Amino acid sequence: MFPTEEPAQPICSAKGCRAEPDYVLVWNNPKLHTPDRRKTWLACGEHREHLGQFLAVRGFLKDTVPFGEWTAQEQQGQQEQQGPEQQGRPDDGSQA
C-alpha cells in the first residue's frame, strides 16, 4: 500500500508565510490573460494589504473576497456544473 497524503492546506501566498488565508485576491494580467480569466492569490490578514497593493499598482487587482465566502462560492459553482448523476442522483435512464 502507498501512504496516503492529506490534501494540502491552503496557505498565504506571501513569500515564506505559512498562515491560513483570510482573503482571496482575484487578479488578471491583461497583457497575458483574456478579460474573463481570473487568477487568485491567498492572503492572511497580515499580508492582505501588501499583496493587494502589489497587484493594484500594476492594475491587476480585480477583487478581494473573504476566504470563507470564496470557498463557498467555489463549492456552489462546482455543484451547479455537475449533472444529476454526479450529485448523488443516479440517472437510471427511465422516464418519470
N, C-alpha and C. Protein backbone atom coordinates (compact mmCIF):
# COMPACT_ATOMS: atom_id res chain seq x y z
N MET A 1 0.84 -1.17 0.00
CA MET A 1 0.00 0.00 0.00
C MET A 1 0.89 1.24 0.00
N PHE A 2 0.37 2.26 -0.63
CA PHE A 2 1.05 3.53 -0.66
C PHE A 2 0.56 4.39 0.49
N PRO A 3 1.45 5.14 1.11
CA PRO A 3 0.98 6.03 2.17
C PRO A 3 0.07 7.10 1.57
N THR A 4 -1.00 7.39 2.27
CA THR A 4 -1.91 8.42 1.78
C THR A 4 -1.48 9.77 2.34
N GLU A 5 -1.56 10.75 1.50
CA GLU A 5 -1.22 12.10 1.93
C GLU A 5 -2.49 12.88 2.15
N GLU A 6 -2.47 13.69 3.18
CA GLU A 6 -3.59 14.59 3.42
C GLU A 6 -3.59 15.65 2.33
N PRO A 7 -4.77 16.13 1.94
CA PRO A 7 -4.78 17.21 0.96
C PRO A 7 -4.04 18.43 1.50
N ALA A 8 -3.33 19.10 0.63
CA ALA A 8 -2.59 20.28 1.04
C ALA A 8 -3.55 21.35 1.56
N GLN A 9 -3.19 21.93 2.68
CA GLN A 9 -4.00 23.00 3.25
C GLN A 9 -3.61 24.31 2.57
N PRO A 10 -4.57 25.14 2.23
CA PRO A 10 -4.23 26.42 1.61
C PRO A 10 -3.45 27.30 2.58
N ILE A 11 -2.47 28.02 2.04
CA ILE A 11 -1.67 28.94 2.85
C ILE A 11 -1.55 30.28 2.13
N CYS A 12 -1.15 31.27 2.85
CA CYS A 12 -0.95 32.62 2.33
C CYS A 12 0.08 32.58 1.19
N SER A 13 -0.14 33.40 0.18
CA SER A 13 0.76 33.45 -0.98
C SER A 13 2.01 34.29 -0.76
N ALA A 14 2.08 35.02 0.35
CA ALA A 14 3.27 35.83 0.63
C ALA A 14 4.47 34.91 0.85
N LYS A 15 5.61 35.32 0.31
CA LYS A 15 6.82 34.51 0.39
C LYS A 15 7.16 34.19 1.84
N GLY A 16 7.32 32.90 2.13
CA GLY A 16 7.72 32.45 3.45
C GLY A 16 6.60 32.36 4.47
N CYS A 17 5.42 32.84 4.15
CA CYS A 17 4.31 32.81 5.10
C CYS A 17 3.59 31.46 5.00
N ARG A 18 3.28 30.89 6.13
CA ARG A 18 2.58 29.60 6.17
C ARG A 18 1.23 29.73 6.89
N ALA A 19 0.76 30.95 7.05
CA ALA A 19 -0.51 31.19 7.75
C ALA A 19 -1.69 30.78 6.88
N GLU A 20 -2.78 30.44 7.54
CA GLU A 20 -4.01 30.13 6.82
C GLU A 20 -4.54 31.41 6.17
N PRO A 21 -5.14 31.30 5.00
CA PRO A 21 -5.63 32.50 4.32
C PRO A 21 -6.92 33.03 4.94
N ASP A 22 -7.04 34.34 4.94
CA ASP A 22 -8.26 35.01 5.35
C ASP A 22 -8.97 35.63 4.15
N TYR A 23 -8.21 35.85 3.07
CA TYR A 23 -8.75 36.54 1.89
C TYR A 23 -8.26 35.87 0.61
N VAL A 24 -9.04 36.08 -0.45
CA VAL A 24 -8.64 35.69 -1.80
C VAL A 24 -8.52 36.98 -2.61
N LEU A 25 -7.35 37.21 -3.19
CA LEU A 25 -7.13 38.35 -4.06
C LEU A 25 -7.31 37.86 -5.50
N VAL A 26 -8.30 38.38 -6.17
CA VAL A 26 -8.63 37.95 -7.52
C VAL A 26 -8.00 38.94 -8.50
N TRP A 27 -7.23 38.44 -9.45
CA TRP A 27 -6.50 39.33 -10.34
C TRP A 27 -6.43 38.80 -11.76
N ASN A 28 -5.94 39.66 -12.65
CA ASN A 28 -5.82 39.34 -14.06
C ASN A 28 -4.75 40.25 -14.66
N ASN A 29 -3.84 39.68 -15.41
CA ASN A 29 -2.85 40.47 -16.14
C ASN A 29 -3.36 40.62 -17.57
N PRO A 30 -3.87 41.80 -17.93
CA PRO A 30 -4.48 41.97 -19.25
C PRO A 30 -3.52 41.76 -20.43
N LYS A 31 -2.22 41.83 -20.18
CA LYS A 31 -1.26 41.58 -21.25
C LYS A 31 -1.11 40.09 -21.55
N LEU A 32 -1.47 39.26 -20.58
CA LEU A 32 -1.31 37.81 -20.73
C LEU A 32 -2.62 37.04 -20.80
N HIS A 33 -3.66 37.54 -20.14
CA HIS A 33 -4.90 36.78 -19.98
C HIS A 33 -6.07 37.45 -20.69
N THR A 34 -7.03 36.63 -21.10
CA THR A 34 -8.27 37.17 -21.65
C THR A 34 -9.01 37.89 -20.53
N PRO A 35 -9.89 38.85 -20.86
CA PRO A 35 -10.57 39.64 -19.82
C PRO A 35 -11.37 38.81 -18.82
N ASP A 36 -11.88 37.65 -19.23
CA ASP A 36 -12.69 36.85 -18.31
C ASP A 36 -11.85 35.91 -17.43
N ARG A 37 -10.57 35.78 -17.71
CA ARG A 37 -9.69 34.90 -16.93
C ARG A 37 -9.39 35.53 -15.58
N ARG A 38 -9.47 34.75 -14.52
CA ARG A 38 -9.16 35.23 -13.18
C ARG A 38 -8.16 34.31 -12.52
N LYS A 39 -7.13 34.91 -11.93
CA LYS A 39 -6.13 34.20 -11.15
C LYS A 39 -6.36 34.58 -9.70
N THR A 40 -5.83 33.79 -8.78
CA THR A 40 -6.04 34.09 -7.36
C THR A 40 -4.75 33.94 -6.57
N TRP A 41 -4.62 34.81 -5.59
CA TRP A 41 -3.62 34.70 -4.55
C TRP A 41 -4.37 34.62 -3.23
N LEU A 42 -3.83 33.87 -2.30
CA LEU A 42 -4.40 33.79 -0.96
C LEU A 42 -3.60 34.69 -0.04
N ALA A 43 -4.30 35.34 0.89
CA ALA A 43 -3.61 36.26 1.81
C ALA A 43 -4.12 36.10 3.23
N CYS A 44 -3.20 36.08 4.17
CA CYS A 44 -3.57 36.14 5.58
C CYS A 44 -3.85 37.61 5.90
N GLY A 45 -4.38 37.88 7.07
CA GLY A 45 -4.68 39.25 7.45
C GLY A 45 -3.45 40.15 7.45
N GLU A 46 -2.31 39.60 7.81
CA GLU A 46 -1.08 40.38 7.87
C GLU A 46 -0.57 40.80 6.49
N HIS A 47 -0.80 39.97 5.47
CA HIS A 47 -0.24 40.24 4.14
C HIS A 47 -1.26 40.72 3.11
N ARG A 48 -2.51 40.85 3.51
CA ARG A 48 -3.55 41.26 2.56
C ARG A 48 -3.21 42.60 1.90
N GLU A 49 -2.87 43.59 2.70
CA GLU A 49 -2.60 44.93 2.16
C GLU A 49 -1.38 44.92 1.24
N HIS A 50 -0.30 44.28 1.67
CA HIS A 50 0.93 44.24 0.86
C HIS A 50 0.69 43.57 -0.49
N LEU A 51 0.08 42.39 -0.48
CA LEU A 51 -0.17 41.68 -1.74
C LEU A 51 -1.16 42.44 -2.61
N GLY A 52 -2.19 43.01 -1.97
CA GLY A 52 -3.18 43.79 -2.71
C GLY A 52 -2.57 45.01 -3.39
N GLN A 53 -1.68 45.70 -2.68
CA GLN A 53 -1.02 46.87 -3.26
C GLN A 53 -0.12 46.48 -4.43
N PHE A 54 0.58 45.36 -4.28
CA PHE A 54 1.44 44.87 -5.36
C PHE A 54 0.63 44.68 -6.64
N LEU A 55 -0.54 44.06 -6.52
CA LEU A 55 -1.39 43.82 -7.68
C LEU A 55 -2.06 45.11 -8.17
N ALA A 56 -2.51 45.95 -7.24
CA ALA A 56 -3.23 47.17 -7.61
C ALA A 56 -2.34 48.16 -8.36
N VAL A 57 -1.09 48.31 -7.93
CA VAL A 57 -0.16 49.23 -8.58
C VAL A 57 0.01 48.86 -10.06
N ARG A 58 -0.07 47.59 -10.36
CA ARG A 58 0.11 47.11 -11.73
C ARG A 58 -1.21 47.07 -12.50
N GLY A 59 -2.31 47.40 -11.83
CA GLY A 59 -3.62 47.38 -12.47
C GLY A 59 -4.19 45.98 -12.62
N PHE A 60 -3.70 45.03 -11.81
CA PHE A 60 -4.12 43.64 -11.93
C PHE A 60 -5.27 43.27 -10.99
N LEU A 61 -5.36 43.91 -9.84
CA LEU A 61 -6.32 43.51 -8.81
C LEU A 61 -7.75 43.78 -9.28
N LYS A 62 -8.58 42.76 -9.23
CA LYS A 62 -9.98 42.87 -9.64
C LYS A 62 -10.92 42.84 -8.45
N ASP A 63 -10.59 42.05 -7.42
CA ASP A 63 -11.49 41.91 -6.28
C ASP A 63 -10.74 41.30 -5.10
N THR A 64 -11.23 41.56 -3.90
CA THR A 64 -10.74 40.92 -2.68
C THR A 64 -11.95 40.34 -1.98
N VAL A 65 -11.92 39.04 -1.72
CA VAL A 65 -13.07 38.32 -1.17
C VAL A 65 -12.62 37.56 0.07
N PRO A 66 -13.43 37.56 1.15
CA PRO A 66 -13.09 36.73 2.30
C PRO A 66 -12.95 35.26 1.87
N PHE A 67 -11.96 34.57 2.41
CA PHE A 67 -11.66 33.20 2.01
C PHE A 67 -12.87 32.28 2.17
N GLY A 68 -13.58 32.38 3.29
CA GLY A 68 -14.74 31.52 3.52
C GLY A 68 -15.83 31.74 2.48
N GLU A 69 -16.04 32.99 2.11
CA GLU A 69 -17.04 33.31 1.08
C GLU A 69 -16.62 32.74 -0.27
N TRP A 70 -15.34 32.86 -0.59
CA TRP A 70 -14.82 32.36 -1.87
C TRP A 70 -14.97 30.84 -1.97
N THR A 71 -14.61 30.12 -0.91
CA THR A 71 -14.70 28.67 -0.96
C THR A 71 -16.15 28.22 -1.05
N ALA A 72 -17.07 28.93 -0.40
CA ALA A 72 -18.49 28.59 -0.51
C ALA A 72 -18.97 28.80 -1.95
N GLN A 73 -18.54 29.88 -2.59
CA GLN A 73 -18.91 30.14 -3.98
C GLN A 73 -18.34 29.08 -4.91
N GLU A 74 -17.10 28.66 -4.65
CA GLU A 74 -16.46 27.64 -5.48
C GLU A 74 -17.21 26.32 -5.37
N GLN A 75 -17.59 25.93 -4.16
CA GLN A 75 -18.32 24.68 -3.97
C GLN A 75 -19.68 24.73 -4.66
N GLN A 76 -20.35 25.85 -4.56
CA GLN A 76 -21.65 26.01 -5.20
C GLN A 76 -21.50 25.93 -6.72
N GLY A 77 -20.48 26.58 -7.26
CA GLY A 77 -20.24 26.55 -8.69
C GLY A 77 -19.93 25.15 -9.20
N GLN A 78 -19.18 24.37 -8.44
CA GLN A 78 -18.87 23.00 -8.84
C GLN A 78 -20.11 22.14 -8.84
N GLN A 79 -20.99 22.31 -7.87
CA GLN A 79 -22.22 21.53 -7.81
C GLN A 79 -23.14 21.88 -8.98
N GLU A 80 -23.18 23.15 -9.36
CA GLU A 80 -24.03 23.57 -10.48
C GLU A 80 -23.52 23.02 -11.80
N GLN A 81 -22.21 22.81 -11.92
CA GLN A 81 -21.62 22.30 -13.16
C GLN A 81 -21.82 20.80 -13.30
N GLN A 82 -22.03 20.10 -12.20
CA GLN A 82 -22.20 18.66 -12.24
C GLN A 82 -23.62 18.31 -12.67
N GLY A 83 -23.75 17.24 -13.40
CA GLY A 83 -25.08 16.75 -13.78
C GLY A 83 -25.71 16.01 -12.61
N PRO A 84 -26.98 15.62 -12.72
CA PRO A 84 -27.68 14.94 -11.62
C PRO A 84 -26.98 13.67 -11.16
N GLU A 85 -26.38 12.90 -12.10
CA GLU A 85 -25.73 11.66 -11.70
C GLU A 85 -24.48 11.92 -10.87
N GLN A 86 -23.87 13.09 -11.02
CA GLN A 86 -22.68 13.42 -10.25
C GLN A 86 -23.04 14.03 -8.91
N GLN A 87 -24.28 14.38 -8.70
CA GLN A 87 -24.70 14.98 -7.45
C GLN A 87 -25.37 13.96 -6.55
N GLY A 88 -25.15 12.68 -6.81
CA GLY A 88 -25.71 11.66 -5.94
C GLY A 88 -27.10 11.22 -6.34
N ARG A 89 -27.56 11.63 -7.51
CA ARG A 89 -28.86 11.19 -8.00
C ARG A 89 -28.63 10.45 -9.31
N PRO A 90 -28.41 9.14 -9.24
CA PRO A 90 -28.10 8.41 -10.46
C PRO A 90 -29.27 8.47 -11.45
N ASP A 91 -28.91 8.60 -12.70
CA ASP A 91 -29.90 8.61 -13.76
C ASP A 91 -30.00 7.19 -14.28
N ASP A 92 -31.13 6.53 -14.00
CA ASP A 92 -31.28 5.14 -14.40
C ASP A 92 -31.82 4.99 -15.82
N GLY A 93 -32.03 6.11 -16.50
CA GLY A 93 -32.48 6.06 -17.87
C GLY A 93 -33.99 5.96 -18.02
N SER A 94 -34.70 5.75 -16.94
CA SER A 94 -36.16 5.65 -17.02
C SER A 94 -36.77 7.03 -17.07
N GLN A 95 -37.93 7.13 -17.64
CA GLN A 95 -38.62 8.40 -17.71
C GLN A 95 -39.74 8.41 -16.70
N ALA A 96 -39.81 9.46 -15.92
CA ALA A 96 -40.84 9.56 -14.88
C ALA A 96 -42.13 10.10 -15.44
